[in-house]
Amino acid sequence: MRLKDKVVLVTASTRGIGLACVKACAKEGAIVYMAARNLERAQEIADALSGVKCVYNDATRPETFTTMVEDVVRDAGRIDVLVNNFGTSNPGKDLDFANTDPQMFLDTINLNLRSVFLASQAAAKHMATQGGGSIINISSVGGIVPDISQISYGQWIYPSSDPSGLKNIFPLLFVPTDILLPVSADCFPGLQLKPEKHRALRCGLSGHGK
C-alpha cells in the first residue's frame, strides 16, 4: 500500500474524477477525507469504503476552503495530500466571447481560482511545519486547447499552462517547504527542475543554503 496512513483531502469528491481519487487513495491505504457540500451523500459513499471520512466544503462559501483543512488537521493531526478537484461553470450562461456576460465571466474565474488558492494556502501552512506534503491540481484538456465555447471555464484553466499561471508559480513559491505540486497527468508539461537547480532555488528563496 503506497499511501499507508497518509492523510488525503479531496475536493468535489462525490462523483467523477474526485470520487475516483478518493477510491484510489483509500485502496492504497490512505486516510481519505471527502470535502463535499452534500455531507449526507458523501457519508453514504464513505460508509461503503474503508478509511474514508467527510468534511464540509461549499465552493460558494470561500471560508470553507480553510475550515475543511482545519477540520482534517484537527481530526487526523496532519494533512499529507490535498487534491484540488473543484472546477465549474454554467454552460447555459458561460458562452463564447461575444455573448458571455462580463460579470458572469469574472464570477466564474473567481470561483474556480480561489478554490485552488485558498485550499492550497491553508494546506501549505500545515505541510510546511510537518516537513512536506503534496498539492495536486486536477485540470482539464482546456489547459492545452481552451474551450472557446465556454469562455469563462476555458480561460481560468488555460492561463495555468502558461509560465505566468498559478501552476508554474506555485512550485517556485513552495520550493523551500518540500511541498510537491504535480498537476493531473497529460494536461500540462509541468515545471521540471534538475536537482542542482532545485537546490539553487531553495537556497535563493529560503535565504540559506540548506
N, C-alpha and C. Protein backbone atom coordinates (compact mmCIF):
# COMPACT_ATOMS: atom_id res chain seq x y z
N MET A 1 0.84 -1.19 0.00
CA MET A 1 0.00 0.00 0.00
C MET A 1 0.88 1.25 0.00
N ARG A 2 0.88 1.96 -1.10
CA ARG A 2 1.81 3.08 -1.28
C ARG A 2 1.44 4.32 -0.48
N LEU A 3 0.20 4.41 -0.03
CA LEU A 3 -0.23 5.60 0.73
C LEU A 3 -0.63 5.23 2.15
N LYS A 4 -0.07 4.18 2.68
CA LYS A 4 -0.42 3.70 4.01
C LYS A 4 -0.38 4.82 5.04
N ASP A 5 -1.54 5.10 5.65
CA ASP A 5 -1.72 6.08 6.72
C ASP A 5 -1.44 7.53 6.32
N LYS A 6 -1.30 7.81 5.03
CA LYS A 6 -1.20 9.19 4.58
C LYS A 6 -2.58 9.84 4.66
N VAL A 7 -2.61 11.11 5.02
CA VAL A 7 -3.88 11.83 5.16
C VAL A 7 -4.13 12.63 3.89
N VAL A 8 -5.21 12.31 3.20
CA VAL A 8 -5.51 12.89 1.89
C VAL A 8 -6.86 13.61 1.95
N LEU A 9 -6.91 14.82 1.41
CA LEU A 9 -8.15 15.59 1.32
C LEU A 9 -8.47 15.84 -0.15
N VAL A 10 -9.69 15.50 -0.57
CA VAL A 10 -10.10 15.63 -1.97
C VAL A 10 -11.34 16.53 -2.05
N THR A 11 -11.28 17.59 -2.87
CA THR A 11 -12.45 18.44 -3.06
C THR A 11 -13.30 17.92 -4.22
N ALA A 12 -14.58 18.36 -4.25
CA ALA A 12 -15.52 17.91 -5.29
C ALA A 12 -15.42 16.39 -5.44
N SER A 13 -15.72 15.69 -4.36
CA SER A 13 -15.30 14.30 -4.22
C SER A 13 -16.41 13.26 -4.30
N THR A 14 -17.63 13.67 -4.57
CA THR A 14 -18.73 12.70 -4.52
C THR A 14 -19.05 12.05 -5.86
N ARG A 15 -18.36 12.47 -6.92
CA ARG A 15 -18.59 11.86 -8.23
C ARG A 15 -17.39 12.12 -9.14
N GLY A 16 -17.39 11.48 -10.30
CA GLY A 16 -16.40 11.75 -11.33
C GLY A 16 -14.96 11.54 -10.88
N ILE A 17 -14.09 12.44 -11.32
CA ILE A 17 -12.66 12.33 -11.02
C ILE A 17 -12.40 12.38 -9.53
N GLY A 18 -13.12 13.24 -8.83
CA GLY A 18 -12.92 13.36 -7.39
C GLY A 18 -13.19 12.06 -6.66
N LEU A 19 -14.29 11.41 -6.98
CA LEU A 19 -14.62 10.14 -6.35
C LEU A 19 -13.62 9.07 -6.74
N ALA A 20 -13.16 9.09 -7.98
CA ALA A 20 -12.14 8.13 -8.41
C ALA A 20 -10.86 8.31 -7.60
N CYS A 21 -10.51 9.56 -7.31
CA CYS A 21 -9.32 9.83 -6.49
C CYS A 21 -9.51 9.29 -5.08
N VAL A 22 -10.69 9.51 -4.53
CA VAL A 22 -11.00 9.02 -3.18
C VAL A 22 -10.82 7.50 -3.12
N LYS A 23 -11.41 6.81 -4.06
CA LYS A 23 -11.35 5.34 -4.07
C LYS A 23 -9.93 4.83 -4.27
N ALA A 24 -9.19 5.47 -5.18
CA ALA A 24 -7.82 5.03 -5.46
C ALA A 24 -6.92 5.23 -4.25
N CYS A 25 -7.06 6.37 -3.59
CA CYS A 25 -6.23 6.64 -2.41
C CYS A 25 -6.59 5.71 -1.25
N ALA A 26 -7.87 5.48 -1.06
CA ALA A 26 -8.30 4.57 0.00
C ALA A 26 -7.78 3.16 -0.24
N LYS A 27 -7.80 2.74 -1.49
CA LYS A 27 -7.32 1.41 -1.85
C LYS A 27 -5.83 1.26 -1.54
N GLU A 28 -5.10 2.38 -1.60
CA GLU A 28 -3.67 2.35 -1.33
C GLU A 28 -3.34 2.60 0.14
N GLY A 29 -4.39 2.57 0.99
CA GLY A 29 -4.15 2.64 2.43
C GLY A 29 -4.21 4.01 3.05
N ALA A 30 -4.60 5.03 2.29
CA ALA A 30 -4.66 6.39 2.82
C ALA A 30 -5.88 6.58 3.71
N ILE A 31 -5.80 7.55 4.60
CA ILE A 31 -6.95 8.05 5.34
C ILE A 31 -7.49 9.21 4.52
N VAL A 32 -8.63 9.03 3.89
CA VAL A 32 -9.13 9.98 2.91
C VAL A 32 -10.30 10.78 3.47
N TYR A 33 -10.23 12.09 3.26
CA TYR A 33 -11.33 12.98 3.65
C TYR A 33 -12.00 13.51 2.39
N MET A 34 -13.29 13.26 2.30
CA MET A 34 -14.08 13.77 1.18
C MET A 34 -14.61 15.15 1.55
N ALA A 35 -14.19 16.18 0.84
CA ALA A 35 -14.73 17.52 1.05
C ALA A 35 -15.95 17.67 0.15
N ALA A 36 -17.09 17.96 0.77
CA ALA A 36 -18.33 17.98 -0.01
C ALA A 36 -19.34 18.93 0.60
N ARG A 37 -20.22 19.46 -0.24
CA ARG A 37 -21.32 20.30 0.22
C ARG A 37 -22.45 19.44 0.75
N ASN A 38 -22.74 18.36 0.05
CA ASN A 38 -23.79 17.44 0.45
C ASN A 38 -23.18 16.35 1.34
N LEU A 39 -23.15 16.60 2.64
CA LEU A 39 -22.49 15.67 3.55
C LEU A 39 -23.24 14.35 3.67
N GLU A 40 -24.54 14.39 3.50
CA GLU A 40 -25.32 13.15 3.58
C GLU A 40 -24.92 12.21 2.44
N ARG A 41 -24.83 12.75 1.25
CA ARG A 41 -24.41 11.94 0.11
C ARG A 41 -22.98 11.46 0.28
N ALA A 42 -22.09 12.35 0.74
CA ALA A 42 -20.69 11.97 0.94
C ALA A 42 -20.56 10.88 1.98
N GLN A 43 -21.35 10.97 3.05
CA GLN A 43 -21.25 9.98 4.12
C GLN A 43 -21.70 8.62 3.65
N GLU A 44 -22.71 8.57 2.79
CA GLU A 44 -23.16 7.30 2.24
C GLU A 44 -22.05 6.62 1.45
N ILE A 45 -21.32 7.44 0.69
CA ILE A 45 -20.19 6.90 -0.08
C ILE A 45 -19.08 6.44 0.85
N ALA A 46 -18.77 7.28 1.84
CA ALA A 46 -17.69 6.97 2.78
C ALA A 46 -17.97 5.69 3.55
N ASP A 47 -19.23 5.47 3.91
CA ASP A 47 -19.59 4.28 4.68
C ASP A 47 -19.34 2.99 3.91
N ALA A 48 -19.33 3.09 2.59
CA ALA A 48 -19.11 1.90 1.76
C ALA A 48 -17.63 1.66 1.48
N LEU A 49 -16.78 2.57 1.94
CA LEU A 49 -15.35 2.45 1.71
C LEU A 49 -14.61 2.32 3.03
N SER A 50 -13.36 1.95 2.94
CA SER A 50 -12.54 1.79 4.14
C SER A 50 -11.61 2.99 4.32
N GLY A 51 -11.59 3.55 5.53
CA GLY A 51 -10.68 4.63 5.84
C GLY A 51 -11.07 5.97 5.24
N VAL A 52 -12.36 6.17 4.97
CA VAL A 52 -12.82 7.41 4.34
C VAL A 52 -13.74 8.17 5.28
N LYS A 53 -13.50 9.48 5.40
CA LYS A 53 -14.30 10.36 6.24
C LYS A 53 -14.77 11.57 5.42
N CYS A 54 -15.56 12.42 6.05
CA CYS A 54 -16.12 13.57 5.32
C CYS A 54 -15.88 14.87 6.08
N VAL A 55 -15.68 15.95 5.33
CA VAL A 55 -15.63 17.30 5.88
C VAL A 55 -16.45 18.21 4.97
N TYR A 56 -16.93 19.29 5.54
CA TYR A 56 -17.81 20.19 4.78
C TYR A 56 -17.03 21.19 3.96
N ASN A 57 -17.44 21.34 2.70
CA ASN A 57 -16.90 22.38 1.83
C ASN A 57 -17.96 22.80 0.83
N ASP A 58 -18.21 24.09 0.77
CA ASP A 58 -19.14 24.67 -0.20
C ASP A 58 -18.35 25.71 -0.97
N ALA A 59 -18.12 25.47 -2.25
CA ALA A 59 -17.27 26.36 -3.04
C ALA A 59 -17.79 27.78 -3.12
N THR A 60 -19.09 27.97 -2.88
CA THR A 60 -19.65 29.33 -2.89
C THR A 60 -19.40 30.06 -1.58
N ARG A 61 -18.87 29.35 -0.60
CA ARG A 61 -18.52 29.95 0.70
C ARG A 61 -17.01 29.82 0.88
N PRO A 62 -16.25 30.85 0.51
CA PRO A 62 -14.79 30.74 0.48
C PRO A 62 -14.15 30.35 1.80
N GLU A 63 -14.78 30.71 2.90
CA GLU A 63 -14.18 30.38 4.20
C GLU A 63 -14.11 28.87 4.42
N THR A 64 -14.95 28.10 3.72
CA THR A 64 -14.96 26.65 3.95
C THR A 64 -13.75 25.95 3.34
N PHE A 65 -13.01 26.62 2.46
CA PHE A 65 -11.78 26.02 1.96
C PHE A 65 -10.71 26.00 3.05
N THR A 66 -10.79 26.97 3.95
CA THR A 66 -9.88 26.97 5.10
C THR A 66 -10.38 26.05 6.19
N THR A 67 -11.67 26.13 6.49
CA THR A 67 -12.20 25.32 7.59
C THR A 67 -12.14 23.82 7.30
N MET A 68 -12.25 23.43 6.02
CA MET A 68 -12.18 21.99 5.73
C MET A 68 -10.78 21.46 6.04
N VAL A 69 -9.75 22.26 5.72
CA VAL A 69 -8.38 21.85 6.03
C VAL A 69 -8.18 21.78 7.53
N GLU A 70 -8.68 22.78 8.25
CA GLU A 70 -8.53 22.79 9.70
C GLU A 70 -9.27 21.61 10.32
N ASP A 71 -10.42 21.25 9.76
CA ASP A 71 -11.17 20.09 10.28
C ASP A 71 -10.37 18.80 10.10
N VAL A 72 -9.71 18.67 8.96
CA VAL A 72 -8.88 17.48 8.71
C VAL A 72 -7.72 17.42 9.69
N VAL A 73 -7.02 18.53 9.84
CA VAL A 73 -5.86 18.56 10.73
C VAL A 73 -6.28 18.34 12.18
N ARG A 74 -7.42 18.89 12.55
CA ARG A 74 -7.92 18.71 13.91
C ARG A 74 -8.22 17.23 14.18
N ASP A 75 -8.76 16.55 13.17
CA ASP A 75 -9.16 15.15 13.35
C ASP A 75 -8.00 14.19 13.18
N ALA A 76 -7.15 14.43 12.17
CA ALA A 76 -6.08 13.48 11.84
C ALA A 76 -4.72 13.89 12.37
N GLY A 77 -4.57 15.17 12.72
CA GLY A 77 -3.29 15.63 13.24
C GLY A 77 -2.33 16.13 12.19
N ARG A 78 -2.69 16.00 10.90
CA ARG A 78 -1.82 16.42 9.82
C ARG A 78 -2.59 16.37 8.51
N ILE A 79 -1.99 16.88 7.45
CA ILE A 79 -2.52 16.69 6.10
C ILE A 79 -1.33 16.47 5.17
N ASP A 80 -1.33 15.33 4.49
CA ASP A 80 -0.21 14.97 3.63
C ASP A 80 -0.45 15.29 2.16
N VAL A 81 -1.70 15.18 1.73
CA VAL A 81 -2.03 15.39 0.31
C VAL A 81 -3.33 16.19 0.21
N LEU A 82 -3.30 17.22 -0.64
CA LEU A 82 -4.53 17.95 -1.00
C LEU A 82 -4.76 17.76 -2.49
N VAL A 83 -5.94 17.29 -2.85
CA VAL A 83 -6.32 17.16 -4.26
C VAL A 83 -7.36 18.23 -4.57
N ASN A 84 -6.94 19.27 -5.31
CA ASN A 84 -7.85 20.34 -5.72
C ASN A 84 -8.58 19.89 -6.99
N ASN A 85 -9.78 19.38 -6.81
CA ASN A 85 -10.52 18.84 -7.94
C ASN A 85 -11.69 19.72 -8.37
N PHE A 86 -12.05 20.70 -7.54
CA PHE A 86 -13.22 21.51 -7.86
C PHE A 86 -12.97 22.40 -9.09
N GLY A 87 -13.99 22.52 -9.92
CA GLY A 87 -13.97 23.42 -11.07
C GLY A 87 -15.35 23.39 -11.71
N THR A 88 -15.89 24.56 -12.06
CA THR A 88 -17.26 24.57 -12.55
C THR A 88 -17.50 25.73 -13.50
N SER A 89 -18.61 25.66 -14.20
CA SER A 89 -19.18 26.80 -14.93
C SER A 89 -20.62 26.46 -15.24
N ASN A 90 -21.36 27.44 -15.71
CA ASN A 90 -22.76 27.25 -16.08
C ASN A 90 -22.86 27.29 -17.60
N PRO A 91 -22.98 26.12 -18.25
CA PRO A 91 -23.00 26.10 -19.72
C PRO A 91 -24.12 26.94 -20.33
N GLY A 92 -25.18 27.16 -19.55
CA GLY A 92 -26.27 27.97 -20.06
C GLY A 92 -25.96 29.45 -20.12
N LYS A 93 -24.97 29.88 -19.32
CA LYS A 93 -24.58 31.29 -19.27
C LYS A 93 -23.14 31.52 -19.68
N ASP A 94 -22.32 30.49 -19.54
CA ASP A 94 -20.91 30.58 -19.92
C ASP A 94 -20.82 30.26 -21.41
N LEU A 95 -20.84 31.30 -22.23
CA LEU A 95 -20.93 31.12 -23.68
C LEU A 95 -19.63 31.53 -24.34
N ASP A 96 -19.68 31.89 -25.59
CA ASP A 96 -18.47 32.33 -26.29
C ASP A 96 -18.14 33.77 -25.90
N PHE A 97 -17.04 34.27 -26.44
CA PHE A 97 -16.54 35.59 -26.07
C PHE A 97 -17.56 36.70 -26.32
N ALA A 98 -18.28 36.62 -27.42
CA ALA A 98 -19.20 37.69 -27.80
C ALA A 98 -20.46 37.73 -26.95
N ASN A 99 -20.82 36.61 -26.34
CA ASN A 99 -22.14 36.52 -25.73
C ASN A 99 -22.15 36.25 -24.22
N THR A 100 -20.99 36.17 -23.61
CA THR A 100 -20.93 35.93 -22.17
C THR A 100 -20.99 37.25 -21.40
N ASP A 101 -21.85 37.30 -20.41
CA ASP A 101 -21.94 38.47 -19.56
C ASP A 101 -20.63 38.67 -18.80
N PRO A 102 -20.08 39.89 -18.80
CA PRO A 102 -18.77 40.12 -18.15
C PRO A 102 -18.75 39.73 -16.68
N GLN A 103 -19.83 40.03 -15.96
CA GLN A 103 -19.84 39.70 -14.54
C GLN A 103 -19.86 38.19 -14.33
N MET A 104 -20.57 37.49 -15.21
CA MET A 104 -20.59 36.03 -15.12
C MET A 104 -19.19 35.47 -15.38
N PHE A 105 -18.49 36.04 -16.35
CA PHE A 105 -17.11 35.65 -16.66
C PHE A 105 -16.22 35.80 -15.43
N LEU A 106 -16.28 36.98 -14.80
CA LEU A 106 -15.44 37.26 -13.64
C LEU A 106 -15.81 36.39 -12.44
N ASP A 107 -17.10 36.18 -12.24
CA ASP A 107 -17.54 35.37 -11.11
C ASP A 107 -17.07 33.92 -11.24
N THR A 108 -17.12 33.39 -12.47
CA THR A 108 -16.69 32.01 -12.70
C THR A 108 -15.20 31.85 -12.47
N ILE A 109 -14.42 32.77 -13.00
CA ILE A 109 -12.97 32.71 -12.80
C ILE A 109 -12.62 32.84 -11.33
N ASN A 110 -13.29 33.76 -10.64
CA ASN A 110 -13.03 33.96 -9.22
C ASN A 110 -13.37 32.69 -8.42
N LEU A 111 -14.52 32.10 -8.71
CA LEU A 111 -14.94 30.90 -8.01
C LEU A 111 -13.95 29.76 -8.19
N ASN A 112 -13.49 29.56 -9.41
CA ASN A 112 -12.59 28.45 -9.70
C ASN A 112 -11.18 28.69 -9.18
N LEU A 113 -10.64 29.86 -9.40
CA LEU A 113 -9.27 30.13 -8.97
C LEU A 113 -9.14 30.19 -7.45
N ARG A 114 -10.12 30.80 -6.80
CA ARG A 114 -9.99 30.91 -5.34
C ARG A 114 -10.08 29.54 -4.67
N SER A 115 -10.78 28.59 -5.29
CA SER A 115 -10.85 27.25 -4.71
C SER A 115 -9.47 26.63 -4.59
N VAL A 116 -8.66 26.84 -5.61
CA VAL A 116 -7.29 26.31 -5.60
C VAL A 116 -6.40 27.11 -4.66
N PHE A 117 -6.49 28.43 -4.75
CA PHE A 117 -5.62 29.29 -3.95
C PHE A 117 -5.88 29.13 -2.45
N LEU A 118 -7.14 29.24 -2.05
CA LEU A 118 -7.46 29.22 -0.62
C LEU A 118 -7.16 27.87 0.01
N ALA A 119 -7.55 26.79 -0.67
CA ALA A 119 -7.29 25.45 -0.13
C ALA A 119 -5.79 25.18 -0.05
N SER A 120 -5.07 25.56 -1.10
CA SER A 120 -3.62 25.33 -1.13
C SER A 120 -2.91 26.15 -0.06
N GLN A 121 -3.33 27.39 0.11
CA GLN A 121 -2.72 28.25 1.12
C GLN A 121 -2.91 27.66 2.52
N ALA A 122 -4.13 27.21 2.80
CA ALA A 122 -4.42 26.64 4.11
C ALA A 122 -3.64 25.34 4.35
N ALA A 123 -3.59 24.48 3.34
CA ALA A 123 -2.89 23.21 3.50
C ALA A 123 -1.38 23.39 3.58
N ALA A 124 -0.85 24.31 2.78
CA ALA A 124 0.60 24.51 2.73
C ALA A 124 1.17 24.94 4.07
N LYS A 125 0.41 25.70 4.83
CA LYS A 125 0.89 26.14 6.15
C LYS A 125 1.17 24.94 7.05
N HIS A 126 0.28 23.97 7.00
CA HIS A 126 0.48 22.78 7.82
C HIS A 126 1.56 21.88 7.23
N MET A 127 1.58 21.74 5.92
CA MET A 127 2.59 20.91 5.28
C MET A 127 4.00 21.43 5.56
N ALA A 128 4.15 22.74 5.58
CA ALA A 128 5.47 23.33 5.82
C ALA A 128 5.98 23.01 7.21
N THR A 129 5.09 23.04 8.19
CA THR A 129 5.52 22.78 9.57
C THR A 129 5.73 21.31 9.85
N GLN A 130 5.08 20.44 9.06
CA GLN A 130 5.21 19.00 9.31
C GLN A 130 6.28 18.35 8.46
N GLY A 131 6.94 19.14 7.59
CA GLY A 131 8.06 18.62 6.82
C GLY A 131 7.77 18.30 5.37
N GLY A 132 6.58 18.66 4.87
CA GLY A 132 6.30 18.46 3.46
C GLY A 132 4.91 17.91 3.20
N GLY A 133 4.61 17.74 1.93
CA GLY A 133 3.31 17.23 1.51
C GLY A 133 3.16 17.37 0.01
N SER A 134 1.99 17.07 -0.50
CA SER A 134 1.73 17.18 -1.93
C SER A 134 0.41 17.90 -2.17
N ILE A 135 0.41 18.84 -3.11
CA ILE A 135 -0.80 19.50 -3.54
C ILE A 135 -0.98 19.18 -5.01
N ILE A 136 -2.08 18.50 -5.33
CA ILE A 136 -2.33 18.04 -6.69
C ILE A 136 -3.50 18.83 -7.26
N ASN A 137 -3.28 19.51 -8.37
CA ASN A 137 -4.32 20.30 -9.01
C ASN A 137 -4.86 19.57 -10.24
N ILE A 138 -6.11 19.14 -10.15
CA ILE A 138 -6.75 18.48 -11.28
C ILE A 138 -7.22 19.56 -12.26
N SER A 139 -6.81 19.43 -13.52
CA SER A 139 -7.19 20.43 -14.50
C SER A 139 -7.95 19.77 -15.64
N SER A 140 -7.72 20.23 -16.85
CA SER A 140 -8.54 19.80 -17.98
C SER A 140 -7.73 19.86 -19.26
N VAL A 141 -8.23 19.20 -20.28
CA VAL A 141 -7.62 19.33 -21.61
C VAL A 141 -7.68 20.79 -22.06
N GLY A 142 -8.55 21.57 -21.42
CA GLY A 142 -8.60 23.00 -21.70
C GLY A 142 -7.30 23.71 -21.37
N GLY A 143 -6.43 23.05 -20.61
CA GLY A 143 -5.11 23.63 -20.33
C GLY A 143 -4.22 23.64 -21.56
N ILE A 144 -4.56 22.82 -22.54
CA ILE A 144 -3.80 22.77 -23.78
C ILE A 144 -4.56 23.47 -24.90
N VAL A 145 -5.83 23.16 -25.02
CA VAL A 145 -6.68 23.78 -26.04
C VAL A 145 -7.89 24.40 -25.34
N PRO A 146 -7.93 25.72 -25.15
CA PRO A 146 -9.03 26.34 -24.42
C PRO A 146 -10.36 26.14 -25.13
N ASP A 147 -11.41 25.97 -24.35
CA ASP A 147 -12.75 25.79 -24.89
C ASP A 147 -13.37 27.16 -25.13
N ILE A 148 -13.33 27.63 -26.36
CA ILE A 148 -13.82 28.97 -26.65
C ILE A 148 -15.34 29.04 -26.67
N SER A 149 -16.01 27.89 -26.57
CA SER A 149 -17.47 27.90 -26.48
C SER A 149 -17.93 28.16 -25.05
N GLN A 150 -17.01 27.98 -24.08
CA GLN A 150 -17.27 28.31 -22.69
C GLN A 150 -16.09 29.17 -22.23
N ILE A 151 -16.18 30.45 -22.52
CA ILE A 151 -15.02 31.33 -22.36
C ILE A 151 -14.55 31.45 -20.91
N SER A 152 -15.47 31.44 -19.96
CA SER A 152 -15.09 31.58 -18.54
C SER A 152 -14.33 30.36 -18.07
N TYR A 153 -14.89 29.18 -18.36
CA TYR A 153 -14.25 27.93 -17.93
C TYR A 153 -12.92 27.74 -18.65
N GLY A 154 -12.91 28.00 -19.95
CA GLY A 154 -11.68 27.83 -20.72
C GLY A 154 -10.57 28.75 -20.29
N GLN A 155 -10.91 29.99 -19.95
CA GLN A 155 -9.87 30.96 -19.62
C GLN A 155 -9.31 30.78 -18.23
N TRP A 156 -10.09 30.24 -17.29
CA TRP A 156 -9.48 30.04 -15.96
C TRP A 156 -8.51 28.89 -15.98
N ILE A 157 -8.73 27.92 -16.88
CA ILE A 157 -7.80 26.80 -17.00
C ILE A 157 -6.59 27.16 -17.85
N TYR A 158 -6.85 27.80 -18.98
CA TYR A 158 -5.79 27.99 -19.98
C TYR A 158 -4.57 28.75 -19.45
N PRO A 159 -4.74 29.84 -18.67
CA PRO A 159 -3.54 30.53 -18.20
C PRO A 159 -2.62 29.67 -17.34
N SER A 160 -3.17 28.60 -16.76
CA SER A 160 -2.35 27.74 -15.91
C SER A 160 -1.30 26.97 -16.70
N SER A 161 -1.45 26.90 -18.02
CA SER A 161 -0.44 26.20 -18.82
C SER A 161 0.65 27.16 -19.28
N ASP A 162 0.49 28.43 -18.96
CA ASP A 162 1.46 29.45 -19.32
C ASP A 162 2.43 29.64 -18.16
N PRO A 163 3.70 29.98 -18.41
CA PRO A 163 4.66 30.16 -17.32
C PRO A 163 4.23 31.18 -16.27
N SER A 164 3.30 32.08 -16.62
CA SER A 164 2.85 33.07 -15.64
C SER A 164 1.66 32.57 -14.83
N GLY A 165 1.16 31.37 -15.12
CA GLY A 165 -0.02 30.86 -14.44
C GLY A 165 0.29 30.34 -13.04
N LEU A 166 -0.76 30.10 -12.24
CA LEU A 166 -0.59 29.64 -10.87
C LEU A 166 0.16 28.33 -10.81
N LYS A 167 -0.08 27.44 -11.79
CA LYS A 167 0.53 26.12 -11.72
C LYS A 167 2.05 26.20 -11.75
N ASN A 168 2.59 27.14 -12.53
CA ASN A 168 4.04 27.25 -12.61
C ASN A 168 4.62 28.18 -11.56
N ILE A 169 3.80 29.06 -10.98
CA ILE A 169 4.27 29.92 -9.90
C ILE A 169 4.38 29.12 -8.61
N PHE A 170 3.38 28.27 -8.34
CA PHE A 170 3.34 27.55 -7.08
C PHE A 170 4.61 26.75 -6.79
N PRO A 171 5.15 25.98 -7.75
CA PRO A 171 6.35 25.22 -7.41
C PRO A 171 7.50 26.10 -6.95
N LEU A 172 7.61 27.31 -7.51
CA LEU A 172 8.68 28.21 -7.09
C LEU A 172 8.43 28.75 -5.69
N LEU A 173 7.18 29.08 -5.39
CA LEU A 173 6.85 29.62 -4.08
C LEU A 173 7.08 28.60 -2.98
N PHE A 174 6.84 27.32 -3.30
CA PHE A 174 6.90 26.29 -2.27
C PHE A 174 8.21 25.52 -2.24
N VAL A 175 9.19 25.91 -3.06
CA VAL A 175 10.46 25.19 -3.07
C VAL A 175 11.06 25.03 -1.68
N PRO A 176 11.07 26.08 -0.82
CA PRO A 176 11.70 25.93 0.49
C PRO A 176 10.96 25.01 1.44
N THR A 177 9.76 24.56 1.11
CA THR A 177 8.94 23.84 2.08
C THR A 177 8.81 22.35 1.80
N ASP A 178 9.41 21.86 0.72
CA ASP A 178 9.29 20.44 0.36
C ASP A 178 7.84 20.04 0.09
N ILE A 179 7.06 20.96 -0.44
CA ILE A 179 5.69 20.65 -0.85
C ILE A 179 5.70 20.42 -2.36
N LEU A 180 5.21 19.27 -2.79
CA LEU A 180 5.20 18.92 -4.20
C LEU A 180 3.88 19.34 -4.83
N LEU A 181 3.93 19.82 -6.08
CA LEU A 181 2.72 20.28 -6.75
C LEU A 181 2.59 19.70 -8.14
N PRO A 182 2.32 18.40 -8.25
CA PRO A 182 2.05 17.83 -9.58
C PRO A 182 0.68 18.26 -10.07
N VAL A 183 0.48 18.19 -11.37
CA VAL A 183 -0.82 18.50 -11.97
C VAL A 183 -1.31 17.24 -12.66
N SER A 184 -2.62 17.13 -12.85
CA SER A 184 -3.19 15.91 -13.43
C SER A 184 -2.47 15.51 -14.71
N ALA A 185 -2.27 14.22 -14.90
CA ALA A 185 -1.46 13.70 -15.99
C ALA A 185 -1.95 14.15 -17.36
N ASP A 186 -1.02 14.43 -18.24
CA ASP A 186 -1.25 14.75 -19.65
C ASP A 186 -1.85 16.13 -19.89
N CYS A 187 -2.17 16.86 -18.81
CA CYS A 187 -2.77 18.18 -19.03
C CYS A 187 -1.70 19.24 -19.25
N PHE A 188 -0.65 19.20 -18.43
CA PHE A 188 0.40 20.20 -18.54
C PHE A 188 1.77 19.53 -18.50
N PRO A 189 2.74 20.14 -19.15
CA PRO A 189 4.09 19.56 -19.10
C PRO A 189 4.71 19.66 -17.72
N GLY A 190 4.28 20.62 -16.91
CA GLY A 190 4.82 20.76 -15.56
C GLY A 190 6.16 21.48 -15.56
N LEU A 191 6.60 21.83 -14.38
CA LEU A 191 7.87 22.52 -14.20
C LEU A 191 8.87 21.52 -13.67
N GLN A 192 9.81 21.12 -14.50
CA GLN A 192 10.78 20.11 -14.11
C GLN A 192 12.11 20.78 -13.78
N LEU A 193 12.60 20.54 -12.58
CA LEU A 193 13.86 21.14 -12.15
C LEU A 193 14.88 20.03 -11.89
N LYS A 194 16.09 20.20 -12.45
CA LYS A 194 17.16 19.28 -12.12
C LYS A 194 17.55 19.49 -10.66
N PRO A 195 18.11 18.47 -10.01
CA PRO A 195 18.43 18.60 -8.58
C PRO A 195 19.25 19.83 -8.25
N GLU A 196 20.25 20.15 -9.09
CA GLU A 196 21.08 21.31 -8.78
C GLU A 196 20.31 22.62 -8.88
N LYS A 197 19.35 22.67 -9.84
CA LYS A 197 18.51 23.85 -9.97
C LYS A 197 17.57 23.96 -8.77
N HIS A 198 17.04 22.82 -8.33
CA HIS A 198 16.15 22.79 -7.18
C HIS A 198 16.87 23.33 -5.95
N ARG A 199 18.14 22.89 -5.75
CA ARG A 199 18.90 23.34 -4.60
C ARG A 199 19.19 24.83 -4.69
N ALA A 200 19.45 25.31 -5.90
CA ALA A 200 19.74 26.73 -6.08
C ALA A 200 18.52 27.57 -5.76
N LEU A 201 17.36 27.14 -6.20
CA LEU A 201 16.12 27.86 -5.91
C LEU A 201 15.82 27.83 -4.41
N ARG A 202 16.02 26.64 -3.83
CA ARG A 202 15.78 26.51 -2.39
C ARG A 202 16.65 27.50 -1.63
N CYS A 203 17.92 27.57 -1.98
CA CYS A 203 18.85 28.44 -1.30
C CYS A 203 18.44 29.91 -1.47
N GLY A 204 18.09 30.26 -2.73
CA GLY A 204 17.75 31.64 -3.01
C GLY A 204 16.46 32.09 -2.37
N LEU A 205 15.43 31.22 -2.35
CA LEU A 205 14.13 31.62 -1.84
C LEU A 205 14.05 31.54 -0.32
N SER A 206 14.81 30.64 0.27
CA SER A 206 14.71 30.49 1.71
C SER A 206 15.74 31.33 2.45
N GLY A 207 16.74 31.82 1.72
CA GLY A 207 17.72 32.69 2.34
C GLY A 207 18.84 31.95 3.05
N HIS A 208 18.92 30.64 2.85
CA HIS A 208 20.02 29.89 3.45
C HIS A 208 20.37 28.73 2.54
N GLY A 209 21.41 28.04 2.86
CA GLY A 209 21.95 27.01 1.97
C GLY A 209 21.56 25.60 2.30
N LYS A 210 20.51 25.41 3.09
CA LYS A 210 20.11 24.05 3.44
C LYS A 210 19.56 23.33 2.24
